[in-house]
Amino acid sequence: MLYAKVKILEEMIINLLFYLFLKKVVNLNEANNRIGYNNRPKHPSVNTINYKANTTRQINKSDF
């Protein structure tokens, strides 16, 4: 009877340690995703720069 109780306790401790280890791994992954490559602020592309330059461009008399 005592042997069975010790075995159950041992199993519970192993499961707890494994759970804590997995939880830590998941938290690390979430932290990496938060500061990850895909979530960095995007640099404006050449297209958006050209678009803004074209739409805000003023027409001068010298153009004609």
N, C-alpha and C. Protein backbone atom coordinates (compact mmCIF):
# COMPACT_ATOMS: atom_id res chain seq x y z
N MET A 1 0.83 -1.20 0.00
CA MET A 1 0.00 0.00 0.00
C MET A 1 0.87 1.26 0.00
N LEU A 2 1.87 1.27 0.88
CA LEU A 2 2.77 2.43 0.98
C LEU A 2 3.55 2.61 -0.33
N TYR A 3 3.95 1.49 -0.90
CA TYR A 3 4.70 1.54 -2.17
C TYR A 3 3.87 2.19 -3.27
N ALA A 4 2.58 1.86 -3.33
CA ALA A 4 1.68 2.43 -4.34
C ALA A 4 1.54 3.94 -4.14
N LYS A 5 1.40 4.36 -2.88
CA LYS A 5 1.27 5.80 -2.58
C LYS A 5 2.54 6.54 -3.01
N VAL A 6 3.69 5.97 -2.73
CA VAL A 6 4.96 6.59 -3.10
C VAL A 6 5.07 6.70 -4.62
N LYS A 7 4.65 5.66 -5.33
CA LYS A 7 4.70 5.67 -6.79
C LYS A 7 3.79 6.77 -7.37
N ILE A 8 2.58 6.90 -6.79
CA ILE A 8 1.64 7.93 -7.25
C ILE A 8 2.22 9.33 -7.01
N LEU A 9 2.78 9.53 -5.83
CA LEU A 9 3.41 10.82 -5.50
C LEU A 9 4.54 11.13 -6.47
N GLU A 10 5.36 10.13 -6.73
CA GLU A 10 6.48 10.28 -7.65
C GLU A 10 5.97 10.70 -9.04
N GLU A 11 4.92 10.04 -9.50
CA GLU A 11 4.32 10.35 -10.80
C GLU A 11 3.80 11.78 -10.84
N MET A 12 3.14 12.19 -9.73
CA MET A 12 2.60 13.55 -9.66
C MET A 12 3.71 14.59 -9.72
N ILE A 13 4.82 14.35 -9.03
CA ILE A 13 5.94 15.29 -9.01
C ILE A 13 6.55 15.40 -10.41
N ILE A 14 6.72 14.26 -11.08
CA ILE A 14 7.27 14.25 -12.43
C ILE A 14 6.36 15.04 -13.37
N ASN A 15 5.04 14.81 -13.27
CA ASN A 15 4.08 15.54 -14.11
C ASN A 15 4.12 17.03 -13.84
N LEU A 16 4.24 17.41 -12.59
CA LEU A 16 4.29 18.83 -12.23
C LEU A 16 5.53 19.49 -12.82
N LEU A 17 6.66 18.84 -12.69
CA LEU A 17 7.90 19.38 -13.24
C LEU A 17 7.81 19.52 -14.76
N PHE A 18 7.25 18.50 -15.39
CA PHE A 18 7.10 18.54 -16.85
C PHE A 18 6.17 19.68 -17.27
N TYR A 19 5.07 19.85 -16.50
CA TYR A 19 4.12 20.93 -16.78
C TYR A 19 4.80 22.29 -16.63
N LEU A 20 5.57 22.48 -15.58
CA LEU A 20 6.25 23.76 -15.36
C LEU A 20 7.27 24.03 -16.46
N PHE A 21 7.96 22.97 -16.88
CA PHE A 21 8.94 23.11 -17.96
C PHE A 21 8.25 23.54 -19.26
N LEU A 22 7.15 22.88 -19.61
CA LEU A 22 6.41 23.23 -20.83
C LEU A 22 5.87 24.65 -20.75
N LYS A 23 5.37 25.03 -19.58
CA LYS A 23 4.83 26.38 -19.40
C LYS A 23 5.92 27.42 -19.65
N LYS A 24 7.13 27.14 -19.17
CA LYS A 24 8.24 28.07 -19.37
C LYS A 24 8.59 28.16 -20.85
N VAL A 25 8.60 27.04 -21.55
CA VAL A 25 8.89 27.04 -22.98
C VAL A 25 7.86 27.85 -23.75
N VAL A 26 6.59 27.66 -23.41
CA VAL A 26 5.52 28.40 -24.09
C VAL A 26 5.67 29.89 -23.84
N ASN A 27 5.99 30.27 -22.60
CA ASN A 27 6.16 31.69 -22.28
C ASN A 27 7.33 32.28 -23.05
N LEU A 28 8.40 31.52 -23.20
CA LEU A 28 9.54 32.00 -23.98
C LEU A 28 9.14 32.21 -25.43
N ASN A 29 8.37 31.26 -25.98
CA ASN A 29 7.92 31.39 -27.36
C ASN A 29 7.05 32.62 -27.53
N GLU A 30 6.14 32.87 -26.59
CA GLU A 30 5.27 34.04 -26.68
C GLU A 30 6.09 35.32 -26.61
N ALA A 31 7.10 35.35 -25.74
CA ALA A 31 7.95 36.53 -25.64
C ALA A 31 8.71 36.76 -26.95
N ASN A 32 9.20 35.66 -27.54
CA ASN A 32 9.91 35.79 -28.81
C ASN A 32 8.99 36.30 -29.91
N ASN A 33 7.73 35.85 -29.90
CA ASN A 33 6.78 36.31 -30.91
C ASN A 33 6.46 37.78 -30.74
N ARG A 34 6.40 38.23 -29.50
CA ARG A 34 6.08 39.64 -29.25
C ARG A 34 7.15 40.55 -29.83
N ILE A 35 8.42 40.15 -29.68
CA ILE A 35 9.51 40.99 -30.19
C ILE A 35 10.11 40.36 -31.44
N GLY A 36 9.29 39.53 -32.12
CA GLY A 36 9.81 38.75 -33.24
C GLY A 36 9.94 39.54 -34.51
N TYR A 37 10.47 38.91 -35.51
CA TYR A 37 10.76 39.54 -36.80
C TYR A 37 9.49 40.09 -37.44
N ASN A 38 8.40 39.33 -37.35
CA ASN A 38 7.17 39.73 -38.03
C ASN A 38 6.49 40.92 -37.36
N ASN A 39 6.80 41.17 -36.10
CA ASN A 39 6.10 42.24 -35.37
C ASN A 39 6.94 43.51 -35.26
N ARG A 40 8.08 43.55 -35.91
CA ARG A 40 8.85 44.78 -35.89
C ARG A 40 8.15 45.84 -36.72
N PRO A 41 8.34 47.12 -36.39
CA PRO A 41 7.71 48.16 -37.21
C PRO A 41 8.25 48.11 -38.64
N LYS A 42 7.36 48.17 -39.58
CA LYS A 42 7.75 48.05 -40.99
C LYS A 42 8.33 49.38 -41.48
N HIS A 43 9.36 49.27 -42.29
CA HIS A 43 9.89 50.46 -42.94
C HIS A 43 8.99 50.80 -44.12
N PRO A 44 8.73 52.09 -44.34
CA PRO A 44 7.90 52.42 -45.49
C PRO A 44 8.57 52.00 -46.79
N SER A 45 7.80 51.37 -47.66
CA SER A 45 8.38 50.87 -48.90
C SER A 45 8.56 52.01 -49.89
N VAL A 46 9.30 51.73 -50.93
CA VAL A 46 9.56 52.72 -51.98
C VAL A 46 8.24 53.17 -52.61
N ASN A 47 7.29 52.24 -52.76
CA ASN A 47 6.01 52.58 -53.37
C ASN A 47 5.26 53.63 -52.56
N THR A 48 5.21 53.45 -51.24
CA THR A 48 4.46 54.41 -50.42
C THR A 48 5.16 55.76 -50.45
N ILE A 49 6.49 55.77 -50.45
CA ILE A 49 7.22 57.04 -50.50
C ILE A 49 6.91 57.75 -51.81
N ASN A 50 6.95 57.01 -52.93
CA ASN A 50 6.64 57.61 -54.23
C ASN A 50 5.20 58.10 -54.28
N TYR A 51 4.30 57.30 -53.71
CA TYR A 51 2.89 57.69 -53.73
C TYR A 51 2.68 59.01 -52.99
N LYS A 52 3.29 59.10 -51.81
CA LYS A 52 3.15 60.32 -51.02
C LYS A 52 3.79 61.50 -51.75
N ALA A 53 4.93 61.27 -52.33
CA ALA A 53 5.62 62.35 -53.04
C ALA A 53 4.78 62.82 -54.23
N ASN A 54 4.14 61.87 -54.93
CA ASN A 54 3.35 62.24 -56.10
C ASN A 54 2.06 62.96 -55.70
N THR A 55 1.43 62.54 -54.64
CA THR A 55 0.14 63.13 -54.28
C THR A 55 0.32 64.49 -53.63
N THR A 56 1.45 64.72 -52.98
CA THR A 56 1.64 66.01 -52.31
C THR A 56 2.45 66.97 -53.19
N ARG A 57 2.74 66.57 -54.41
CA ARG A 57 3.59 67.40 -55.27
C ARG A 57 2.80 68.61 -55.77
N GLN A 58 3.41 69.77 -55.71
CA GLN A 58 2.76 70.99 -56.19
C GLN A 58 3.11 71.22 -57.66
N ILE A 59 2.17 71.75 -58.40
CA ILE A 59 2.40 72.05 -59.82
C ILE A 59 2.90 73.49 -59.93
N ASN A 60 4.06 73.64 -60.55
CA ASN A 60 4.64 74.97 -60.75
C ASN A 60 4.44 75.42 -62.19
N LYS A 61 4.51 76.74 -62.42
CA LYS A 61 4.39 77.28 -63.77
C LYS A 61 5.53 76.75 -64.64
N SER A 62 6.68 76.47 -64.03
CA SER A 62 7.83 76.02 -64.81
C SER A 62 7.61 74.62 -65.39
N ASP A 63 6.61 73.88 -64.89
CA ASP A 63 6.32 72.55 -65.42
C ASP A 63 5.75 72.61 -66.83
N PHE A 64 5.11 73.74 -67.21
CA PHE A 64 4.45 73.81 -68.51
C PHE A 64 5.39 74.39 -69.55
